[in-house]
Amino acid sequence: MSRPAFRRAALLFVAAPVLSLAACGAGSVDSDDVEDSAETQLMESTGSDVRPDIDCEDDLPAEVDATITCALTADGLDGTYDVTVTVTSVEGDTANYDVVVADTPR
């Protein structure tokens, strides 16, 4: 029997390093881009071979301290977890942000 791809203890306390994406539109990062980069970073941070599913309903404003909350689900996890994405800096057309997963499900 295979073990779950994500062990809850490993995933919940991940604070991803700063990620960079080009800000698009009127000073925001498209939610699809945020989802993709956050999924990749969390997968790499936990050493998992299964990609989590992160859903962000809103674009991320390219303003320091701007925050959006997304939803994370993954094989091996019970429930849906909030993922907080916070802009740490904006440099030209690049917004840098941190990704933090809640320690308990919704």
Protein backbone atom coordinates (compact mmCIF):
# COMPACT_ATOMS: atom_id res chain seq x y z
CA MET A 1 0.00 0.00 0.00
CA SER A 2 1.41 3.40 -0.90
CA ARG A 3 1.77 6.21 1.61
CA PRO A 4 -0.02 9.52 1.02
CA ALA A 5 1.96 11.86 -1.18
CA PHE A 6 1.67 14.63 1.38
CA ARG A 7 2.19 14.04 5.05
CA ARG A 8 0.17 16.61 6.90
CA ALA A 9 2.93 17.46 9.35
CA ALA A 10 5.38 18.16 6.53
CA LEU A 11 3.01 20.33 4.55
CA LEU A 12 1.31 22.46 7.15
CA PHE A 13 4.30 24.33 8.46
CA VAL A 14 5.88 25.22 5.13
CA ALA A 15 6.64 28.86 4.61
CA ALA A 16 7.76 28.97 1.01
CA PRO A 17 10.69 31.17 0.03
CA VAL A 18 9.97 34.34 -1.88
CA LEU A 19 8.52 33.67 -5.30
CA SER A 20 8.62 36.08 -8.21
CA LEU A 21 6.22 36.55 -11.08
CA ALA A 22 5.67 39.35 -13.50
CA ALA A 23 2.78 41.48 -12.38
CA CYS A 24 0.20 41.70 -15.09
CA GLY A 25 -2.79 43.81 -15.86
CA ALA A 26 -3.44 46.75 -13.57
CA GLY A 27 -0.82 45.95 -10.94
CA SER A 28 -1.79 42.40 -10.03
CA VAL A 29 -0.56 38.84 -10.45
CA ASP A 30 -3.04 36.55 -12.19
CA SER A 31 -4.55 33.96 -9.85
CA ASP A 32 -3.58 31.14 -12.25
CA ASP A 33 0.08 32.19 -12.01
CA VAL A 34 -0.11 32.36 -8.20
CA GLU A 35 -1.68 28.88 -8.07
CA ASP A 36 0.94 27.37 -10.34
CA SER A 37 3.96 28.81 -8.56
CA ALA A 38 2.57 28.04 -5.08
CA GLU A 39 1.82 24.42 -6.06
CA THR A 40 5.34 24.01 -7.45
CA GLN A 41 7.00 25.57 -4.40
CA LEU A 42 5.00 23.48 -1.92
CA MET A 43 5.67 20.30 -3.86
CA GLU A 44 9.40 21.02 -3.88
CA SER A 45 9.43 22.10 -0.22
CA THR A 46 7.77 18.90 0.97
CA GLY A 47 9.70 16.60 -1.35
CA SER A 48 6.46 15.18 -2.68
CA ASP A 49 6.06 13.67 -6.11
CA VAL A 50 2.37 14.59 -6.21
CA ARG A 51 1.32 18.14 -7.00
CA PRO A 52 -1.14 19.75 -4.56
CA ASP A 53 -4.18 21.56 -5.92
CA ILE A 54 -4.37 25.22 -4.96
CA ASP A 55 -7.34 27.35 -5.97
CA CYS A 56 -7.16 31.16 -5.71
CA GLU A 57 -10.36 33.00 -6.49
CA ASP A 58 -8.73 36.42 -6.70
CA ASP A 59 -5.70 37.92 -8.42
CA LEU A 60 -2.91 39.03 -6.08
CA PRO A 61 -2.56 42.83 -5.94
CA ALA A 62 1.06 43.81 -6.62
CA GLU A 63 1.30 45.91 -3.45
CA VAL A 64 3.50 45.24 -0.42
CA ASP A 65 1.54 43.45 2.34
CA ALA A 66 -1.35 42.62 -0.03
CA THR A 67 -2.76 39.20 0.89
CA ILE A 68 -5.10 36.66 -0.67
CA THR A 69 -6.32 33.39 0.77
CA CYS A 70 -6.44 30.33 -1.44
CA ALA A 71 -7.62 26.75 -0.86
CA LEU A 72 -5.33 23.72 -0.87
CA THR A 73 -6.33 20.09 -1.30
CA ALA A 74 -4.05 17.11 -1.91
CA ASP A 75 -4.08 13.35 -1.89
CA GLY A 76 -3.42 12.16 1.66
CA LEU A 77 -4.81 15.25 3.37
CA ASP A 78 -8.13 15.31 5.15
CA GLY A 79 -10.00 18.49 4.30
CA THR A 80 -9.15 21.77 2.67
CA TYR A 81 -6.45 24.07 4.03
CA ASP A 82 -6.15 27.83 3.68
CA VAL A 83 -3.06 29.09 1.92
CA THR A 84 -2.11 32.69 2.65
CA VAL A 85 -0.17 34.47 -0.08
CA THR A 86 1.40 37.77 0.98
CA VAL A 87 3.36 40.21 -1.18
CA THR A 88 6.73 40.98 0.41
CA SER A 89 8.07 43.39 -2.19
CA VAL A 90 7.42 44.78 -5.63
CA GLU A 91 10.32 45.53 -7.95
CA GLY A 92 9.31 46.97 -11.30
CA ASP A 93 7.05 44.41 -12.95
CA THR A 94 7.84 41.70 -10.40
CA ALA A 95 5.87 40.93 -7.25
CA ASN A 96 7.66 38.78 -4.67
CA TYR A 97 5.51 36.86 -2.22
CA ASP A 98 5.48 34.27 0.54
CA VAL A 99 3.16 31.26 0.69
CA VAL A 100 2.06 29.83 4.06
CA VAL A 101 -0.27 26.86 4.62
CA ALA A 102 -2.62 26.88 7.64
CA ASP A 103 -1.90 24.30 10.31
CA THR A 104 -5.50 23.05 10.51
CA PRO A 105 -8.15 22.39 7.85
CA ARG A 106 -11.08 24.73 7.31
